[in-house]
Amino acid sequence: MPTKAKGKAAKASPTHRTTERPAPARTLWLLRHAKTVTDPPPGGSDFDRVLAPRGRRDATALGRLFVGTGDKLGPAFEGVPRPAVALVSPAARTTATAELVLADMEDPPEFRFDDDFYGAEPDELLGVLQSLPDDVPAAMVVGHNPTAQTLSQGLLSPRDKKGLSLAVRQGFPTCALGVYTFPVEHWLDVTAGSATLVTLITPPYA
């Protein structure tokens, strides 16, 4: 008669699972205002120029992609933190663009207007970003050229060759939207030449 081996069965060693903390990052959404009319209204200045019909169409179409939680923006935007704050030049064209693009978000960002954003140089806008509190994971800037175009390329790390190539190839036309991540935990540490381009989209928007 066969005999059963005696002894205790070996117990499997417990599996230790470590929860990896995601790498810290700050996210910037950079939006150039939509196309404007050439001339200001009577008695107005460049500050007062309004969106052209095409500009309103482009901004409205982009806004449809932002509806709700922005799922219609597409796969490139999946997992990207939505902006909690929008730093908007108070000019008529940037204000209108921001309102048309962001109005129907489920959780729209807080709009912050500052006269200094109109005509701000790239380093000045970078300084504004560096002053943001760290409980803001993502911010949007709605601004003008030439600053927007300069930032669209100047923010990128030389190591992001694919992003740089796309930024140069696409340019930064009216109503263009670029999204950038900085590998830092604090806005204070955000610098030019250190970002990675998540995606860059331009009109026409479906």
Protein backbone atom coordinates (compact mmCIF):
# COMPACT_ATOMS: atom_id res chain seq x y z
CA MET A 1 0.00 0.00 0.00
CA PRO A 2 1.46 3.30 -0.95
CA THR A 3 2.21 5.64 1.89
CA LYS A 4 1.52 9.38 1.97
CA ALA A 5 4.44 11.61 2.49
CA LYS A 6 4.23 13.33 5.80
CA GLY A 7 5.11 16.95 6.42
CA LYS A 8 3.64 20.36 6.02
CA ALA A 9 2.95 21.72 2.59
CA ALA A 10 5.18 24.59 1.68
CA LYS A 11 3.46 27.94 1.84
CA ALA A 12 3.80 30.34 -1.01
CA SER A 13 5.76 33.42 -0.12
CA PRO A 14 3.60 36.49 0.03
CA THR A 15 3.89 38.75 -2.99
CA HIS A 16 4.93 42.25 -2.11
CA ARG A 17 3.39 44.81 -4.41
CA THR A 18 4.88 48.22 -4.50
CA THR A 19 2.75 51.10 -5.66
CA GLU A 20 4.88 53.21 -7.92
CA ARG A 21 4.35 56.88 -7.46
CA PRO A 22 3.87 58.58 -10.83
CA ALA A 23 6.69 60.86 -11.82
CA PRO A 24 5.90 64.44 -10.80
CA ALA A 25 4.90 66.71 -13.67
CA ARG A 26 3.31 70.07 -14.42
CA THR A 27 1.16 70.39 -17.54
CA LEU A 28 0.69 73.47 -19.70
CA TRP A 29 -2.08 73.93 -22.28
CA LEU A 30 -1.06 76.72 -24.66
CA LEU A 31 -3.83 78.21 -26.81
CA ARG A 32 -3.44 81.01 -29.33
CA HIS A 33 -6.51 83.16 -29.91
CA ALA A 34 -8.64 82.42 -32.96
CA LYS A 35 -8.50 84.45 -36.18
CA THR A 36 -9.52 88.08 -35.84
CA VAL A 37 -10.77 90.89 -38.05
CA THR A 38 -8.05 93.15 -39.40
CA ASP A 39 -9.26 96.45 -37.99
CA PRO A 40 -10.41 97.43 -34.50
CA PRO A 41 -13.92 98.85 -34.01
CA PRO A 42 -14.32 102.62 -34.47
CA GLY A 43 -12.51 104.41 -31.69
CA GLY A 44 -10.87 101.18 -30.54
CA SER A 45 -7.33 99.82 -30.65
CA ASP A 46 -5.62 96.53 -31.37
CA PHE A 47 -6.72 95.43 -27.88
CA ASP A 48 -10.34 95.65 -29.02
CA ARG A 49 -10.11 93.63 -32.24
CA VAL A 50 -12.78 90.92 -32.29
CA LEU A 51 -12.89 87.43 -33.76
CA ALA A 52 -13.59 87.08 -37.46
CA PRO A 53 -16.38 84.69 -38.53
CA ARG A 54 -13.76 82.03 -39.26
CA GLY A 55 -12.23 82.59 -35.83
CA ARG A 56 -15.57 82.09 -34.11
CA ARG A 57 -16.11 78.91 -36.15
CA ASP A 58 -12.68 77.52 -35.22
CA ALA A 59 -13.04 78.35 -31.51
CA THR A 60 -16.58 76.95 -31.39
CA ALA A 61 -15.46 73.75 -33.11
CA LEU A 62 -12.57 73.34 -30.66
CA GLY A 63 -15.00 74.02 -27.82
CA ARG A 64 -17.13 71.08 -28.96
CA LEU A 65 -14.11 68.83 -28.38
CA PHE A 66 -13.80 70.19 -24.82
CA VAL A 67 -17.46 69.52 -23.95
CA GLY A 68 -17.89 67.57 -20.71
CA THR A 69 -14.58 66.04 -19.71
CA GLY A 70 -12.96 66.60 -23.09
CA ASP A 71 -13.21 62.99 -24.23
CA LYS A 72 -13.73 64.13 -27.83
CA LEU A 73 -10.26 65.66 -27.90
CA GLY A 74 -8.96 62.22 -28.83
CA PRO A 75 -6.54 59.53 -27.66
CA ALA A 76 -3.53 61.88 -27.45
CA PHE A 77 -5.26 63.70 -24.58
CA GLU A 78 -6.18 60.62 -22.53
CA GLY A 79 -4.84 60.82 -19.00
CA VAL A 80 -3.66 64.41 -19.46
CA PRO A 81 -4.79 66.61 -16.55
CA ARG A 82 -7.33 69.19 -17.66
CA PRO A 83 -6.44 72.81 -16.88
CA ALA A 84 -7.56 74.02 -13.46
CA VAL A 85 -6.61 77.62 -14.20
CA ALA A 86 -6.74 79.61 -17.45
CA LEU A 87 -4.41 82.61 -17.64
CA VAL A 88 -6.11 84.79 -20.25
CA SER A 89 -5.00 88.01 -21.87
CA PRO A 90 -7.90 90.45 -21.34
CA ALA A 91 -7.91 91.54 -25.01
CA ALA A 92 -11.25 91.05 -26.76
CA ARG A 93 -10.00 88.27 -29.05
CA THR A 94 -8.35 86.15 -26.35
CA THR A 95 -11.28 86.54 -23.98
CA ALA A 96 -13.76 85.46 -26.66
CA THR A 97 -11.56 82.51 -27.68
CA ALA A 98 -11.28 81.27 -24.10
CA GLU A 99 -15.01 81.57 -23.53
CA LEU A 100 -15.94 79.73 -26.74
CA VAL A 101 -13.42 76.94 -26.16
CA LEU A 102 -13.94 76.32 -22.44
CA ALA A 103 -17.54 77.31 -21.69
CA ASP A 104 -19.04 73.82 -21.92
CA MET A 105 -16.45 71.90 -19.92
CA GLU A 106 -17.88 69.88 -17.06
CA ASP A 107 -15.31 71.39 -14.73
CA PRO A 108 -14.07 74.55 -16.46
CA PRO A 109 -10.87 76.22 -15.28
CA GLU A 110 -10.84 79.37 -13.21
CA PHE A 111 -10.26 82.33 -15.52
CA ARG A 112 -7.56 84.76 -14.44
CA PHE A 113 -7.19 88.00 -16.39
CA ASP A 114 -4.21 90.30 -16.07
CA ASP A 115 -3.47 93.37 -18.18
CA ASP A 116 0.19 92.32 -18.21
CA PHE A 117 -0.68 89.18 -20.23
CA TYR A 118 -1.45 91.40 -23.24
CA GLY A 119 1.87 91.97 -24.95
CA ALA A 120 3.76 89.80 -22.46
CA GLU A 121 7.11 88.43 -23.56
CA PRO A 122 7.78 84.66 -23.30
CA ASP A 123 9.94 85.01 -20.18
CA GLU A 124 7.25 87.12 -18.52
CA LEU A 125 4.59 84.47 -19.10
CA LEU A 126 7.02 81.84 -17.87
CA GLY A 127 7.41 83.89 -14.70
CA VAL A 128 3.63 83.88 -14.23
CA LEU A 129 3.60 80.09 -14.56
CA GLN A 130 6.42 79.80 -12.03
CA SER A 131 4.30 81.69 -9.51
CA LEU A 132 1.38 79.23 -9.68
CA PRO A 133 0.64 77.20 -6.55
CA ASP A 134 1.51 73.52 -6.70
CA ASP A 135 -2.08 72.41 -6.06
CA VAL A 136 -2.69 73.40 -9.71
CA PRO A 137 -1.55 70.35 -11.70
CA ALA A 138 -2.33 71.87 -15.09
CA ALA A 139 -2.81 75.40 -16.39
CA MET A 140 -3.80 76.98 -19.68
CA VAL A 141 -2.41 80.15 -21.23
CA VAL A 142 -4.59 81.91 -23.83
CA GLY A 143 -2.44 84.44 -25.58
CA HIS A 144 -1.04 86.09 -28.68
CA ASN A 145 1.72 85.80 -31.22
CA PRO A 146 4.64 86.19 -31.43
CA THR A 147 4.85 85.02 -27.80
CA ALA A 148 2.67 81.92 -28.31
CA GLN A 149 4.73 80.70 -31.27
CA THR A 150 7.99 81.40 -29.44
CA LEU A 151 6.82 79.39 -26.43
CA SER A 152 5.47 76.56 -28.61
CA GLN A 153 9.05 75.74 -29.61
CA GLY A 154 11.13 77.37 -26.90
CA LEU A 155 9.55 75.35 -24.09
CA LEU A 156 10.64 72.05 -25.64
CA SER A 157 13.64 70.07 -24.51
CA PRO A 158 16.28 69.42 -27.19
CA ARG A 159 15.80 65.73 -26.37
CA ASP A 160 12.21 65.88 -27.63
CA LYS A 161 13.24 65.73 -31.26
CA LYS A 162 9.85 64.43 -32.40
CA GLY A 163 8.05 67.24 -30.61
CA LEU A 164 10.41 69.89 -31.96
CA SER A 165 10.01 68.58 -35.48
CA LEU A 166 6.20 68.70 -35.18
CA ALA A 167 6.25 72.20 -33.65
CA VAL A 168 8.43 73.56 -36.45
CA ARG A 169 6.43 71.79 -39.15
CA GLN A 170 3.01 72.84 -37.85
CA GLY A 171 3.87 76.32 -36.66
CA PHE A 172 1.38 77.87 -34.26
CA PRO A 173 -1.49 79.35 -36.29
CA THR A 174 -4.56 81.03 -34.86
CA CYS A 175 -6.56 78.74 -32.53
CA ALA A 176 -3.66 76.28 -32.30
CA LEU A 177 -3.49 74.25 -29.10
CA GLY A 178 -0.31 72.69 -27.74
CA VAL A 179 0.02 70.63 -24.56
CA TYR A 180 3.37 70.36 -22.76
CA THR A 181 4.57 68.45 -19.72
CA PHE A 182 7.44 69.50 -17.49
CA PRO A 183 9.18 66.79 -15.41
CA VAL A 184 9.05 68.80 -12.20
CA GLU A 185 6.97 68.78 -9.04
CA HIS A 186 6.85 72.55 -8.54
CA TRP A 187 5.80 75.28 -10.95
CA LEU A 188 8.74 77.31 -9.67
CA ASP A 189 11.04 74.81 -11.41
CA VAL A 190 9.39 75.11 -14.82
CA THR A 191 11.92 76.42 -17.34
CA ALA A 192 12.25 76.92 -21.07
CA GLY A 193 13.88 74.08 -22.96
CA SER A 194 12.69 71.38 -20.56
CA ALA A 195 9.21 70.31 -21.72
CA THR A 196 7.94 67.39 -23.75
CA LEU A 197 5.22 67.98 -26.33
CA VAL A 198 2.19 65.83 -25.59
CA THR A 199 0.32 66.93 -28.71
CA LEU A 200 -0.24 69.89 -30.99
CA ILE A 201 -3.49 70.42 -32.90
CA THR A 202 -4.52 73.12 -35.34
CA PRO A 203 -7.70 74.09 -37.21
CA PRO A 204 -9.84 73.07 -38.90
CA TYR A 205 -11.43 71.08 -36.07
CA ALA A 206 -14.08 68.49 -36.85
